[in-house]
């Protein structure tokens, strides 16, 4: 058994050598060459009503395949994201879980809440389209 580490003591990590020598593998390196990129547009506001999202200019941007919003999810009847584990009360009853959609359909509830998803040929093209997206 190894002796416990002390505060400030260096930790030897097994992965350092491959990352420091350029042999690390990252998720971006494992995607198929013809995979599309996805960019999530997030709210800069802690609490804001979404009055509308104009996708026209962004959809006309080069390389953009699709743009989805919370309203699209509602229209397509996409369900909410349930809790990862069941939460039960003291009597063993499962709690009533509030609706939690993957994207905000009507109100951003925190900074970083997803308001749109852009699918494009590359991440840079998705970023360009995000700049053309109008969120009111």
C-alpha atoms as a PDB file:
ATOM      1  CA  UNK A   1       0.000   0.000   0.000  1.00  0.00           C
ATOM      2  CA  UNK A   2       1.283   3.467  -0.902  1.00  0.00           C
ATOM      3  CA  UNK A   3       1.891   6.074   1.758  1.00  0.00           C
ATOM      4  CA  UNK A   4      -0.729   8.860   1.807  1.00  0.00           C
ATOM      5  CA  UNK A   5       0.148  12.001  -0.138  1.00  0.00           C
ATOM      6  CA  UNK A   6       0.973  15.170   1.717  1.00  0.00           C
ATOM      7  CA  UNK A   7      -0.240  18.616   0.753  1.00  0.00           C
ATOM      8  CA  UNK A   8       2.017  20.047  -1.970  1.00  0.00           C
ATOM      9  CA  UNK A   9       3.515  16.662  -2.874  1.00  0.00           C
ATOM     10  CA  UNK A  10       3.746  15.924  -6.623  1.00  0.00           C
ATOM     11  CA  UNK A  11       1.461  13.291  -8.053  1.00  0.00           C
ATOM     12  CA  UNK A  12       2.771  10.921 -10.696  1.00  0.00           C
ATOM     13  CA  UNK A  13       0.106  10.520 -13.364  1.00  0.00           C
ATOM     14  CA  UNK A  14       0.160   7.721 -15.911  1.00  0.00           C
ATOM     15  CA  UNK A  15      -1.305   9.837 -18.728  1.00  0.00           C
ATOM     16  CA  UNK A  16       1.264  12.654 -18.638  1.00  0.00           C
ATOM     17  CA  UNK A  17       3.833  11.002 -20.902  1.00  0.00           C
ATOM     18  CA  UNK A  18       1.478  10.455 -23.835  1.00  0.00           C
ATOM     19  CA  UNK A  19       0.012  13.974 -23.623  1.00  0.00           C
ATOM     20  CA  UNK A  20       3.384  15.670 -23.284  1.00  0.00           C
ATOM     21  CA  UNK A  21       4.778  13.787 -26.276  1.00  0.00           C
ATOM     22  CA  UNK A  22       1.806  14.441 -28.593  1.00  0.00           C
ATOM     23  CA  UNK A  23       0.384  10.935 -28.457  1.00  0.00           C
ATOM     24  CA  UNK A  24      -2.770  11.793 -26.491  1.00  0.00           C
ATOM     25  CA  UNK A  25      -6.207  10.952 -27.877  1.00  0.00           C
ATOM     26  CA  UNK A  26      -9.030  13.432 -27.598  1.00  0.00           C
ATOM     27  CA  UNK A  27     -12.725  13.122 -28.469  1.00  0.00           C
ATOM     28  CA  UNK A  28     -12.226  15.503 -31.387  1.00  0.00           C
ATOM     29  CA  UNK A  29      -9.584  13.167 -32.824  1.00  0.00           C
ATOM     30  CA  UNK A  30     -11.888  10.143 -32.748  1.00  0.00           C
ATOM     31  CA  UNK A  31     -14.857  11.584 -34.678  1.00  0.00           C
ATOM     32  CA  UNK A  32     -15.335  10.242 -38.215  1.00  0.00           C
ATOM     33  CA  UNK A  33     -13.962  12.577 -40.896  1.00  0.00           C
ATOM     34  CA  UNK A  34     -17.441  13.232 -42.343  1.00  0.00           C
ATOM     35  CA  UNK A  35     -19.125  13.880 -38.977  1.00  0.00           C
ATOM     36  CA  UNK A  36     -21.098  17.121 -38.636  1.00  0.00           C
ATOM     37  CA  UNK A  37     -20.361  19.581 -35.864  1.00  0.00           C
ATOM     38  CA  UNK A  38     -22.886  20.748 -33.279  1.00  0.00           C
ATOM     39  CA  UNK A  39     -22.774  24.065 -31.474  1.00  0.00           C
ATOM     40  CA  UNK A  40     -25.074  24.953 -28.598  1.00  0.00           C
ATOM     41  CA  UNK A  41     -26.114  28.601 -28.358  1.00  0.00           C
ATOM     42  CA  UNK A  42     -26.478  29.499 -24.697  1.00  0.00           C
ATOM     43  CA  UNK A  43     -28.244  32.284 -22.851  1.00  0.00           C
ATOM     44  CA  UNK A  44     -26.064  35.086 -21.506  1.00  0.00           C
ATOM     45  CA  UNK A  45     -28.858  35.940 -19.040  1.00  0.00           C
ATOM     46  CA  UNK A  46     -29.651  34.417 -15.662  1.00  0.00           C
ATOM     47  CA  UNK A  47     -33.402  34.729 -16.213  1.00  0.00           C
ATOM     48  CA  UNK A  48     -35.020  35.784 -19.494  1.00  0.00           C
ATOM     49  CA  UNK A  49     -38.166  35.124 -21.513  1.00  0.00           C
ATOM     50  CA  UNK A  50     -37.523  33.873 -25.034  1.00  0.00           C
ATOM     51  CA  UNK A  51     -39.793  35.968 -27.222  1.00  0.00           C
ATOM     52  CA  UNK A  52     -38.549  34.475 -30.465  1.00  0.00           C
ATOM     53  CA  UNK A  53     -35.608  33.050 -32.363  1.00  0.00           C
ATOM     54  CA  UNK A  54     -35.120  34.064 -35.992  1.00  0.00           C
ATOM     55  CA  UNK A  55     -33.193  31.273 -37.721  1.00  0.00           C
ATOM     56  CA  UNK A  56     -33.479  32.517 -41.334  1.00  0.00           C
ATOM     57  CA  UNK A  57     -30.102  34.249 -41.692  1.00  0.00           C
ATOM     58  CA  UNK A  58     -28.293  31.551 -39.743  1.00  0.00           C
ATOM     59  CA  UNK A  59     -29.880  28.774 -41.824  1.00  0.00           C
ATOM     60  CA  UNK A  60     -28.710  30.567 -44.984  1.00  0.00           C
ATOM     61  CA  UNK A  61     -25.119  30.518 -43.727  1.00  0.00           C
ATOM     62  CA  UNK A  62     -22.705  28.249 -45.624  1.00  0.00           C
ATOM     63  CA  UNK A  63     -22.458  24.668 -44.386  1.00  0.00           C
ATOM     64  CA  UNK A  64     -25.442  24.813 -42.013  1.00  0.00           C
ATOM     65  CA  UNK A  65     -27.633  21.704 -42.107  1.00  0.00           C
ATOM     66  CA  UNK A  66     -30.146  22.508 -39.354  1.00  0.00           C
ATOM     67  CA  UNK A  67     -30.960  24.685 -36.382  1.00  0.00           C
ATOM     68  CA  UNK A  68     -33.124  23.412 -33.551  1.00  0.00           C
ATOM     69  CA  UNK A  69     -34.749  25.348 -30.697  1.00  0.00           C
ATOM     70  CA  UNK A  70     -36.793  24.466 -27.654  1.00  0.00           C
ATOM     71  CA  UNK A  71     -39.942  25.304 -29.641  1.00  0.00           C
ATOM     72  CA  UNK A  72     -38.907  22.698 -32.226  1.00  0.00           C
ATOM     73  CA  UNK A  73     -38.556  20.100 -29.469  1.00  0.00           C
ATOM     74  CA  UNK A  74     -42.055  20.868 -28.203  1.00  0.00           C
ATOM     75  CA  UNK A  75     -43.484  20.673 -31.737  1.00  0.00           C
ATOM     76  CA  UNK A  76     -41.775  17.300 -32.267  1.00  0.00           C
ATOM     77  CA  UNK A  77     -42.969  16.086 -28.851  1.00  0.00           C
ATOM     78  CA  UNK A  78     -39.442  15.449 -27.563  1.00  0.00           C
ATOM     79  CA  UNK A  79     -39.728  14.541 -23.893  1.00  0.00           C
ATOM     80  CA  UNK A  80     -37.869  15.868 -20.914  1.00  0.00           C
ATOM     81  CA  UNK A  81     -34.534  14.680 -19.548  1.00  0.00           C
ATOM     82  CA  UNK A  82     -35.271  12.588 -16.474  1.00  0.00           C
ATOM     83  CA  UNK A  83     -33.052  12.444 -13.420  1.00  0.00           C
ATOM     84  CA  UNK A  84     -30.215   9.937 -13.749  1.00  0.00           C
ATOM     85  CA  UNK A  85     -31.280   8.100 -10.618  1.00  0.00           C
ATOM     86  CA  UNK A  86     -34.651   7.721  -8.999  1.00  0.00           C
ATOM     87  CA  UNK A  87     -35.244  10.075  -6.117  1.00  0.00           C
ATOM     88  CA  UNK A  88     -37.629   8.764  -3.500  1.00  0.00           C
ATOM     89  CA  UNK A  89     -39.136  10.239  -0.360  1.00  0.00           C
ATOM     90  CA  UNK A  90     -38.955   8.692   3.109  1.00  0.00           C
ATOM     91  CA  UNK A  91     -41.978   6.485   2.295  1.00  0.00           C
ATOM     92  CA  UNK A  92     -40.290   5.141  -0.833  1.00  0.00           C
ATOM     93  CA  UNK A  93     -42.472   7.043  -3.309  1.00  0.00           C
ATOM     94  CA  UNK A  94     -40.791   8.356  -6.431  1.00  0.00           C
ATOM     95  CA  UNK A  95     -40.766  12.154  -6.491  1.00  0.00           C
ATOM     96  CA  UNK A  96     -42.730  14.108  -9.079  1.00  0.00           C
ATOM     97  CA  UNK A  97     -40.104  15.366 -11.436  1.00  0.00           C
ATOM     98  CA  UNK A  98     -40.562  18.796 -13.024  1.00  0.00           C
ATOM     99  CA  UNK A  99     -40.289  19.055 -16.796  1.00  0.00           C
ATOM    100  CA  UNK A 100     -36.716  19.584 -17.925  1.00  0.00           C
ATOM    101  CA  UNK A 101     -36.337  19.857 -21.682  1.00  0.00           C
ATOM    102  CA  UNK A 102     -32.928  19.655 -23.382  1.00  0.00           C
ATOM    103  CA  UNK A 103     -33.405  23.272 -24.576  1.00  0.00           C
ATOM    104  CA  UNK A 104     -35.405  26.127 -23.110  1.00  0.00           C
ATOM    105  CA  UNK A 105     -38.645  26.609 -25.107  1.00  0.00           C
ATOM    106  CA  UNK A 106     -39.874  29.795 -23.467  1.00  0.00           C
ATOM    107  CA  UNK A 107     -37.590  30.944 -20.679  1.00  0.00           C
ATOM    108  CA  UNK A 108     -33.862  30.785 -19.985  1.00  0.00           C
ATOM    109  CA  UNK A 109     -33.548  29.980 -16.307  1.00  0.00           C
ATOM    110  CA  UNK A 110     -29.803  30.391 -15.853  1.00  0.00           C
ATOM    111  CA  UNK A 111     -26.724  31.729 -17.598  1.00  0.00           C
ATOM    112  CA  UNK A 112     -25.686  29.053 -20.073  1.00  0.00           C
ATOM    113  CA  UNK A 113     -29.164  27.565 -20.548  1.00  0.00           C
ATOM    114  CA  UNK A 114     -29.267  26.150 -24.105  1.00  0.00           C
ATOM    115  CA  UNK A 115     -31.583  28.110 -26.413  1.00  0.00           C
ATOM    116  CA  UNK A 116     -30.558  26.691 -29.818  1.00  0.00           C
ATOM    117  CA  UNK A 117     -28.500  23.935 -31.424  1.00  0.00           C
ATOM    118  CA  UNK A 118     -26.734  24.494 -34.751  1.00  0.00           C
ATOM    119  CA  UNK A 119     -25.654  21.572 -36.932  1.00  0.00           C
ATOM    120  CA  UNK A 120     -23.035  22.428 -39.566  1.00  0.00           C
ATOM    121  CA  UNK A 121     -20.230  20.911 -41.610  1.00  0.00           C
ATOM    122  CA  UNK A 122     -17.572  22.327 -39.265  1.00  0.00           C
ATOM    123  CA  UNK A 123     -17.481  23.955 -35.866  1.00  0.00           C
ATOM    124  CA  UNK A 124     -16.241  27.208 -37.410  1.00  0.00           C
ATOM    125  CA  UNK A 125     -19.239  27.302 -39.791  1.00  0.00           C
ATOM    126  CA  UNK A 126     -21.554  26.632 -36.836  1.00  0.00           C
ATOM    127  CA  UNK A 127     -19.928  29.531 -34.953  1.00  0.00           C
ATOM    128  CA  UNK A 128     -20.459  31.816 -37.947  1.00  0.00           C
ATOM    129  CA  UNK A 129     -24.121  30.789 -38.097  1.00  0.00           C
ATOM    130  CA  UNK A 130     -24.508  31.432 -34.357  1.00  0.00           C
ATOM    131  CA  UNK A 131     -23.479  35.038 -34.948  1.00  0.00           C
ATOM    132  CA  UNK A 132     -26.274  35.327 -37.536  1.00  0.00           C
ATOM    133  CA  UNK A 133     -28.880  33.820 -35.213  1.00  0.00           C
ATOM    134  CA  UNK A 134     -31.241  36.402 -33.713  1.00  0.00           C
ATOM    135  CA  UNK A 135     -32.495  35.572 -30.218  1.00  0.00           C
ATOM    136  CA  UNK A 136     -35.048  37.971 -28.741  1.00  0.00           C
END
